[in-house]
PDB file of N, CA and C in Angstrom:
ATOM      1  N   MET A   1     -17.048   1.010  26.039  1.00  0.00           N
ATOM      2  CA  MET A   1     -17.421   2.109  25.190  1.00  0.00           C
ATOM      3  C   MET A   1     -16.163   2.773  24.640  1.00  0.00           C
ATOM      4  N   ASP A   2     -16.234   3.211  23.417  1.00  0.00           N
ATOM      5  CA  ASP A   2     -15.124   3.878  22.791  1.00  0.00           C
ATOM      6  C   ASP A   2     -14.831   5.217  23.446  1.00  0.00           C
ATOM      7  N   ASN A   3     -13.543   5.583  23.457  1.00  0.00           N
ATOM      8  CA  ASN A   3     -13.244   6.905  23.968  1.00  0.00           C
ATOM      9  C   ASN A   3     -13.412   7.925  22.855  1.00  0.00           C
ATOM     10  N   THR A   4     -13.227   9.167  23.180  1.00  0.00           N
ATOM     11  CA  THR A   4     -13.455  10.241  22.190  1.00  0.00           C
ATOM     12  C   THR A   4     -12.541  10.091  20.955  1.00  0.00           C
ATOM     13  N   ALA A   5     -11.291   9.751  21.118  1.00  0.00           N
ATOM     14  CA  ALA A   5     -10.396   9.611  20.032  1.00  0.00           C
ATOM     15  C   ALA A   5     -10.862   8.477  19.094  1.00  0.00           C
ATOM     16  N   ASP A   6     -11.354   7.389  19.680  1.00  0.00           N
ATOM     17  CA  ASP A   6     -11.856   6.265  18.846  1.00  0.00           C
ATOM     18  C   ASP A   6     -13.068   6.723  18.016  1.00  0.00           C
ATOM     19  N   LYS A   7     -13.932   7.517  18.618  1.00  0.00           N
ATOM     20  CA  LYS A   7     -15.103   8.021  17.921  1.00  0.00           C
ATOM     21  C   LYS A   7     -14.686   8.904  16.725  1.00  0.00           C
ATOM     22  N   ILE A   8     -13.667   9.732  16.946  1.00  0.00           N
ATOM     23  CA  ILE A   8     -13.166  10.611  15.882  1.00  0.00           C
ATOM     24  C   ILE A   8     -12.574   9.742  14.761  1.00  0.00           C
ATOM     25  N   ILE A   9     -11.789   8.747  15.145  1.00  0.00           N
ATOM     26  CA  ILE A   9     -11.193   7.873  14.165  1.00  0.00           C
ATOM     27  C   ILE A   9     -12.280   7.165  13.325  1.00  0.00           C
ATOM     28  N   HIS A  10     -13.357   6.773  13.989  1.00  0.00           N
ATOM     29  CA  HIS A  10     -14.477   6.158  13.284  1.00  0.00           C
ATOM     30  C   HIS A  10     -15.115   7.126  12.274  1.00  0.00           C
ATOM     31  N   ILE A  11     -15.212   8.374  12.603  1.00  0.00           N
ATOM     32  CA  ILE A  11     -15.753   9.383  11.673  1.00  0.00           C
ATOM     33  C   ILE A  11     -14.831   9.587  10.514  1.00  0.00           C
ATOM     34  N   LEU A  12     -13.480   9.611  10.770  1.00  0.00           N
ATOM     35  CA  LEU A  12     -12.507   9.892   9.711  1.00  0.00           C
ATOM     36  C   LEU A  12     -12.224   8.727   8.793  1.00  0.00           C
ATOM     37  N   THR A  13     -12.365   7.496   9.278  1.00  0.00           N
ATOM     38  CA  THR A  13     -11.957   6.300   8.539  1.00  0.00           C
ATOM     39  C   THR A  13     -12.533   6.226   7.114  1.00  0.00           C
ATOM     40  N   PRO A  14     -13.860   6.498   6.914  1.00  0.00           N
ATOM     41  CA  PRO A  14     -14.333   6.405   5.513  1.00  0.00           C
ATOM     42  C   PRO A  14     -13.694   7.401   4.567  1.00  0.00           C
ATOM     43  N   VAL A  15     -13.152   8.475   5.127  1.00  0.00           N
ATOM     44  CA  VAL A  15     -12.631   9.565   4.270  1.00  0.00           C
ATOM     45  C   VAL A  15     -11.115   9.367   4.018  1.00  0.00           C
ATOM     46  N   ILE A  16     -10.356   9.042   5.082  1.00  0.00           N
ATOM     47  CA  ILE A  16      -8.900   8.972   4.879  1.00  0.00           C
ATOM     48  C   ILE A  16      -8.307   7.642   5.287  1.00  0.00           C
ATOM     49  N   GLY A  17      -9.142   6.664   5.624  1.00  0.00           N
ATOM     50  CA  GLY A  17      -8.631   5.332   6.009  1.00  0.00           C
ATOM     51  C   GLY A  17      -8.291   5.259   7.473  1.00  0.00           C
ATOM     52  N   SER A  18      -8.338   4.063   8.018  1.00  0.00           N
ATOM     53  CA  SER A  18      -8.209   3.867   9.458  1.00  0.00           C
ATOM     54  C   SER A  18      -6.789   4.192   9.943  1.00  0.00           C
ATOM     55  N   GLY A  19      -5.803   3.774   9.222  1.00  0.00           N
ATOM     56  CA  GLY A  19      -4.415   4.014   9.642  1.00  0.00           C
ATOM     57  C   GLY A  19      -4.070   5.485   9.690  1.00  0.00           C
ATOM     58  N   LEU A  20      -4.416   6.203   8.680  1.00  0.00           N
ATOM     59  CA  LEU A  20      -4.157   7.627   8.600  1.00  0.00           C
ATOM     60  C   LEU A  20      -5.041   8.396   9.598  1.00  0.00           C
ATOM     61  N   ALA A  21      -6.247   7.911   9.798  1.00  0.00           N
ATOM     62  CA  ALA A  21      -7.140   8.523  10.776  1.00  0.00           C
ATOM     63  C   ALA A  21      -6.545   8.409  12.192  1.00  0.00           C
ATOM     64  N   ALA A  22      -6.102   7.241  12.575  1.00  0.00           N
ATOM     65  CA  ALA A  22      -5.538   7.045  13.879  1.00  0.00           C
ATOM     66  C   ALA A  22      -4.271   7.862  14.048  1.00  0.00           C
ATOM     67  N   SER A  23      -3.427   7.869  13.028  1.00  0.00           N
ATOM     68  CA  SER A  23      -2.165   8.643  13.082  1.00  0.00           C
ATOM     69  C   SER A  23      -2.463  10.133  13.183  1.00  0.00           C
ATOM     70  N   ALA A  24      -3.420  10.627  12.451  1.00  0.00           N
ATOM     71  CA  ALA A  24      -3.772  12.073  12.446  1.00  0.00           C
ATOM     72  C   ALA A  24      -4.303  12.479  13.832  1.00  0.00           C
ATOM     73  N   VAL A  25      -5.196  11.689  14.390  1.00  0.00           N
ATOM     74  CA  VAL A  25      -5.735  12.005  15.730  1.00  0.00           C
ATOM     75  C   VAL A  25      -4.630  11.999  16.772  1.00  0.00           C
ATOM     76  N   ASN A  26      -3.773  10.981  16.731  1.00  0.00           N
ATOM     77  CA  ASN A  26      -2.666  10.927  17.735  1.00  0.00           C
ATOM     78  C   ASN A  26      -1.715  12.143  17.550  1.00  0.00           C
ATOM     79  N   MET A  27      -1.442  12.475  16.290  1.00  0.00           N
ATOM     80  CA  MET A  27      -0.496  13.601  16.045  1.00  0.00           C
ATOM     81  C   MET A  27      -1.145  14.943  16.547  1.00  0.00           C
ATOM     82  N   GLN A  28      -2.441  15.144  16.265  1.00  0.00           N
ATOM     83  CA  GLN A  28      -3.064  16.392  16.717  1.00  0.00           C
ATOM     84  C   GLN A  28      -3.090  16.442  18.247  1.00  0.00           C
ATOM     85  N   CYS A  29      -3.384  15.330  18.884  1.00  0.00           N
ATOM     86  CA  CYS A  29      -3.367  15.294  20.371  1.00  0.00           C
ATOM     87  C   CYS A  29      -1.974  15.643  20.870  1.00  0.00           C
ATOM     88  N   LYS A  30      -0.958  15.082  20.253  1.00  0.00           N
ATOM     89  CA  LYS A  30       0.407  15.327  20.634  1.00  0.00           C
ATOM     90  C   LYS A  30       0.707  16.822  20.526  1.00  0.00           C
ATOM     91  N   LYS A  31       0.276  17.448  19.445  1.00  0.00           N
ATOM     92  CA  LYS A  31       0.494  18.907  19.240  1.00  0.00           C
ATOM     93  C   LYS A  31      -0.214  19.706  20.332  1.00  0.00           C
ATOM     94  N   MET A  32      -1.319  19.165  20.840  1.00  0.00           N
ATOM     95  CA  MET A  32      -2.058  19.821  21.913  1.00  0.00           C
ATOM     96  C   MET A  32      -1.430  19.556  23.305  1.00  0.00           C
ATOM     97  N   GLY A  33      -0.466  18.649  23.357  1.00  0.00           N
ATOM     98  CA  GLY A  33       0.193  18.324  24.604  1.00  0.00           C
ATOM     99  C   GLY A  33      -0.573  17.303  25.431  1.00  0.00           C
ATOM    100  N   ILE A  34      -1.453  16.518  24.796  1.00  0.00           N
ATOM    101  CA  ILE A  34      -2.208  15.516  25.493  1.00  0.00           C
ATOM    102  C   ILE A  34      -2.058  14.173  24.752  1.00  0.00           C
ATOM    103  N   THR A  35      -2.429  13.070  25.416  1.00  0.00           N
ATOM    104  CA  THR A  35      -2.519  11.785  24.736  1.00  0.00           C
ATOM    105  C   THR A  35      -3.946  11.664  24.140  1.00  0.00           C
ATOM    106  N   SER A  36      -4.079  10.749  23.211  1.00  0.00           N
ATOM    107  CA  SER A  36      -5.414  10.553  22.626  1.00  0.00           C
ATOM    108  C   SER A  36      -6.394  10.068  23.653  1.00  0.00           C
ATOM    109  N   GLU A  37      -5.937   9.361  24.680  1.00  0.00           N
ATOM    110  CA  GLU A  37      -6.803   8.910  25.772  1.00  0.00           C
ATOM    111  C   GLU A  37      -7.340  10.064  26.580  1.00  0.00           C
ATOM    112  N   ALA A  38      -6.588  11.180  26.618  1.00  0.00           N
ATOM    113  CA  ALA A  38      -6.988  12.370  27.405  1.00  0.00           C
ATOM    114  C   ALA A  38      -7.959  13.271  26.665  1.00  0.00           C
ATOM    115  N   LEU A  39      -8.164  12.949  25.369  1.00  0.00           N
ATOM    116  CA  LEU A  39      -9.143  13.754  24.589  1.00  0.00           C
ATOM    117  C   LEU A  39     -10.553  13.566  25.145  1.00  0.00           C
ATOM    118  N   SER A  40     -11.201  14.653  25.466  1.00  0.00           N
ATOM    119  CA  SER A  40     -12.555  14.545  26.065  1.00  0.00           C
ATOM    120  C   SER A  40     -13.371  15.790  25.727  1.00  0.00           C
ATOM    121  N   ASP A  41     -14.531  15.850  26.272  1.00  0.00           N
ATOM    122  CA  ASP A  41     -15.442  16.982  26.040  1.00  0.00           C
ATOM    123  C   ASP A  41     -14.773  18.337  26.322  1.00  0.00           C
ATOM    124  N   CYS A  42     -13.914  18.385  27.332  1.00  0.00           N
ATOM    125  CA  CYS A  42     -13.317  19.633  27.733  1.00  0.00           C
ATOM    126  C   CYS A  42     -12.338  20.165  26.707  1.00  0.00           C
ATOM    127  N   ASN A  43     -11.771  19.367  25.831  1.00  0.00           N
ATOM    128  CA  ASN A  43     -10.823  19.848  24.852  1.00  0.00           C
ATOM    129  C   ASN A  43     -11.216  19.458  23.423  1.00  0.00           C
ATOM    130  N   LEU A  44     -12.426  18.959  23.241  1.00  0.00           N
ATOM    131  CA  LEU A  44     -12.877  18.525  21.951  1.00  0.00           C
ATOM    132  C   LEU A  44     -13.046  19.672  20.954  1.00  0.00           C
ATOM    133  N   PHE A  45     -13.535  20.806  21.385  1.00  0.00           N
ATOM    134  CA  PHE A  45     -13.727  21.954  20.485  1.00  0.00           C
ATOM    135  C   PHE A  45     -12.362  22.472  20.030  1.00  0.00           C
ATOM    136  N   GLU A  46     -11.414  22.538  20.960  1.00  0.00           N
ATOM    137  CA  GLU A  46     -10.045  22.989  20.578  1.00  0.00           C
ATOM    138  C   GLU A  46      -9.449  22.024  19.561  1.00  0.00           C
ATOM    139  N   PHE A  47      -9.600  20.709  19.809  1.00  0.00           N
ATOM    140  CA  PHE A  47      -9.114  19.717  18.859  1.00  0.00           C
ATOM    141  C   PHE A  47      -9.741  19.943  17.481  1.00  0.00           C
ATOM    142  N   ALA A  48     -11.017  20.107  17.420  1.00  0.00           N
ATOM    143  CA  ALA A  48     -11.718  20.268  16.132  1.00  0.00           C
ATOM    144  C   ALA A  48     -11.189  21.505  15.398  1.00  0.00           C
ATOM    145  N   GLN A  49     -11.073  22.607  16.128  1.00  0.00           N
ATOM    146  CA  GLN A  49     -10.606  23.833  15.442  1.00  0.00           C
ATOM    147  C   GLN A  49      -9.171  23.712  14.913  1.00  0.00           C
ATOM    148  N   LEU A  50      -8.304  23.073  15.683  1.00  0.00           N
ATOM    149  CA  LEU A  50      -6.920  22.897  15.264  1.00  0.00           C
ATOM    150  C   LEU A  50      -6.811  21.853  14.114  1.00  0.00           C
ATOM    151  N   PHE A  51      -7.710  20.903  14.098  1.00  0.00           N
ATOM    152  CA  PHE A  51      -7.659  19.782  13.145  1.00  0.00           C
ATOM    153  C   PHE A  51      -8.248  20.160  11.788  1.00  0.00           C
ATOM    154  N   LYS A  52      -9.020  21.212  11.710  1.00  0.00           N
ATOM    155  CA  LYS A  52      -9.717  21.587  10.491  1.00  0.00           C
ATOM    156  C   LYS A  52      -8.756  21.812   9.302  1.00  0.00           C
ATOM    157  N   LYS A  53      -7.742  22.618   9.513  1.00  0.00           N
ATOM    158  CA  LYS A  53      -6.818  22.952   8.436  1.00  0.00           C
ATOM    159  C   LYS A  53      -6.109  21.742   7.903  1.00  0.00           C
ATOM    160  N   PRO A  54      -5.474  20.895   8.728  1.00  0.00           N
ATOM    161  CA  PRO A  54      -4.806  19.710   8.160  1.00  0.00           C
ATOM    162  C   PRO A  54      -5.791  18.775   7.500  1.00  0.00           C
ATOM    163  N   LEU A  55      -7.003  18.664   8.016  1.00  0.00           N
ATOM    164  CA  LEU A  55      -7.959  17.786   7.433  1.00  0.00           C
ATOM    165  C   LEU A  55      -8.399  18.305   6.014  1.00  0.00           C
ATOM    166  N   ALA A  56      -8.496  19.579   5.880  1.00  0.00           N
ATOM    167  CA  ALA A  56      -8.872  20.204   4.606  1.00  0.00           C
ATOM    168  C   ALA A  56      -7.842  19.881   3.536  1.00  0.00           C
ATOM    169  N   ILE A  57      -6.573  19.766   3.910  1.00  0.00           N
ATOM    170  CA  ILE A  57      -5.555  19.396   2.954  1.00  0.00           C
ATOM    171  C   ILE A  57      -5.788  18.051   2.377  1.00  0.00           C
ATOM    172  N   PHE A  58      -6.251  17.086   3.182  1.00  0.00           N
ATOM    173  CA  PHE A  58      -6.466  15.717   2.753  1.00  0.00           C
ATOM    174  C   PHE A  58      -7.823  15.520   2.084  1.00  0.00           C
ATOM    175  N   ALA A  59      -8.802  16.218   2.601  1.00  0.00           N
ATOM    176  CA  ALA A  59     -10.195  15.899   2.206  1.00  0.00           C
ATOM    177  C   ALA A  59     -10.919  17.051   1.483  1.00  0.00           C
ATOM    178  N   GLY A  60     -10.388  18.255   1.475  1.00  0.00           N
ATOM    179  CA  GLY A  60     -11.051  19.387   0.906  1.00  0.00           C
ATOM    180  C   GLY A  60     -11.844  20.145   1.966  1.00  0.00           C
ATOM    181  N   GLU A  61     -12.110  21.422   1.670  1.00  0.00           N
ATOM    182  CA  GLU A  61     -12.781  22.301   2.665  1.00  0.00           C
ATOM    183  C   GLU A  61     -14.158  21.822   3.037  1.00  0.00           C
ATOM    184  N   LYS A  62     -14.979  21.450   2.091  1.00  0.00           N
ATOM    185  CA  LYS A  62     -16.367  21.024   2.353  1.00  0.00           C
ATOM    186  C   LYS A  62     -16.411  19.820   3.250  1.00  0.00           C
ATOM    187  N   ILE A  63     -15.660  18.775   2.849  1.00  0.00           N
ATOM    188  CA  ILE A  63     -15.667  17.535   3.642  1.00  0.00           C
ATOM    189  C   ILE A  63     -15.079  17.798   5.048  1.00  0.00           C
ATOM    190  N   ALA A  64     -14.003  18.628   5.106  1.00  0.00           N
ATOM    191  CA  ALA A  64     -13.398  18.968   6.348  1.00  0.00           C
ATOM    192  C   ALA A  64     -14.396  19.660   7.275  1.00  0.00           C
ATOM    193  N   SER A  65     -15.159  20.616   6.750  1.00  0.00           N
ATOM    194  CA  SER A  65     -16.163  21.315   7.562  1.00  0.00           C
ATOM    195  C   SER A  65     -17.243  20.355   8.049  1.00  0.00           C
ATOM    196  N   ASP A  66     -17.676  19.423   7.204  1.00  0.00           N
ATOM    197  CA  ASP A  66     -18.679  18.440   7.627  1.00  0.00           C
ATOM    198  C   ASP A  66     -18.166  17.548   8.742  1.00  0.00           C
ATOM    199  N   ILE A  67     -16.903  17.114   8.586  1.00  0.00           N
ATOM    200  CA  ILE A  67     -16.331  16.218   9.611  1.00  0.00           C
ATOM    201  C   ILE A  67     -16.091  16.981  10.909  1.00  0.00           C
ATOM    202  N   ILE A  68     -15.645  18.219  10.831  1.00  0.00           N
ATOM    203  CA  ILE A  68     -15.415  19.033  12.052  1.00  0.00           C
ATOM    204  C   ILE A  68     -16.721  19.187  12.794  1.00  0.00           C
ATOM    205  N   ASN A  69     -17.794  19.408  12.083  1.00  0.00           N
ATOM    206  CA  ASN A  69     -19.154  19.537  12.743  1.00  0.00           C
ATOM    207  C   ASN A  69     -19.524  18.219  13.401  1.00  0.00           C
ATOM    208  N   GLN A  70     -19.231  17.106  12.776  1.00  0.00           N
ATOM    209  CA  GLN A  70     -19.522  15.798  13.400  1.00  0.00           C
ATOM    210  C   GLN A  70     -18.707  15.595  14.680  1.00  0.00           C
ATOM    211  N   ILE A  71     -17.420  16.036  14.594  1.00  0.00           N
ATOM    212  CA  ILE A  71     -16.561  15.889  15.766  1.00  0.00           C
ATOM    213  C   ILE A  71     -17.078  16.776  16.943  1.00  0.00           C
ATOM    214  N   ILE A  72     -17.402  18.014  16.632  1.00  0.00           N
ATOM    215  CA  ILE A  72     -17.927  18.915  17.680  1.00  0.00           C
ATOM    216  C   ILE A  72     -19.245  18.336  18.269  1.00  0.00           C
ATOM    217  N   ASN A  73     -20.026  17.697  17.448  1.00  0.00           N
ATOM    218  CA  ASN A  73     -21.301  17.142  17.920  1.00  0.00           C
ATOM    219  C   ASN A  73     -21.120  15.929  18.819  1.00  0.00           C
ATOM    220  N   LEU A  74     -19.885  15.413  18.925  1.00  0.00           N
ATOM    221  CA  LEU A  74     -19.626  14.316  19.843  1.00  0.00           C
ATOM    222  C   LEU A  74     -19.670  14.821  21.293  1.00  0.00           C
ATOM    223  N   GLN A  75     -19.526  16.108  21.484  1.00  0.00           N
ATOM    224  CA  GLN A  75     -19.464  16.690  22.801  1.00  0.00           C
ATOM    225  C   GLN A  75     -20.801  16.381  23.527  1.00  0.00           C
ATOM    226  N   GLN A  76     -20.672  15.899  24.690  1.00  0.00           N
ATOM    227  CA  GLN A  76     -21.823  15.563  25.529  1.00  0.00           C
ATOM    228  C   GLN A  76     -22.277  16.795  26.319  1.00  0.00           C
ATOM    229  N   TYR A  77     -23.457  17.221  26.060  1.00  0.00           N
ATOM    230  CA  TYR A  77     -24.022  18.378  26.809  1.00  0.00           C
ATOM    231  C   TYR A  77     -24.892  17.860  27.936  1.00  0.00           C
ATOM    232  N   PRO A  78     -24.756  18.538  29.109  1.00  0.00           N
ATOM    233  CA  PRO A  78     -25.549  18.103  30.279  1.00  0.00           C
ATOM    234  C   PRO A  78     -27.031  18.289  30.069  1.00  0.00           C
TER     235      PRO A  78
END
């Protein structure tokens, strides 16, 4: 099964391409002080909030908001 970072990359790929998506996710995780493998439900909301502004630069506010909602919805609720 894909990890959380892979799922986010899958969401981003149609918008910014797979290479840029992978690089962006890895860079944001690095800024958070974690590896992409450590990205999980416990830090997914923080990732999404921090990632919104840079994503809006590449994709625009509307698309960024839609993608951020998709990312937040990856969170598994008990």
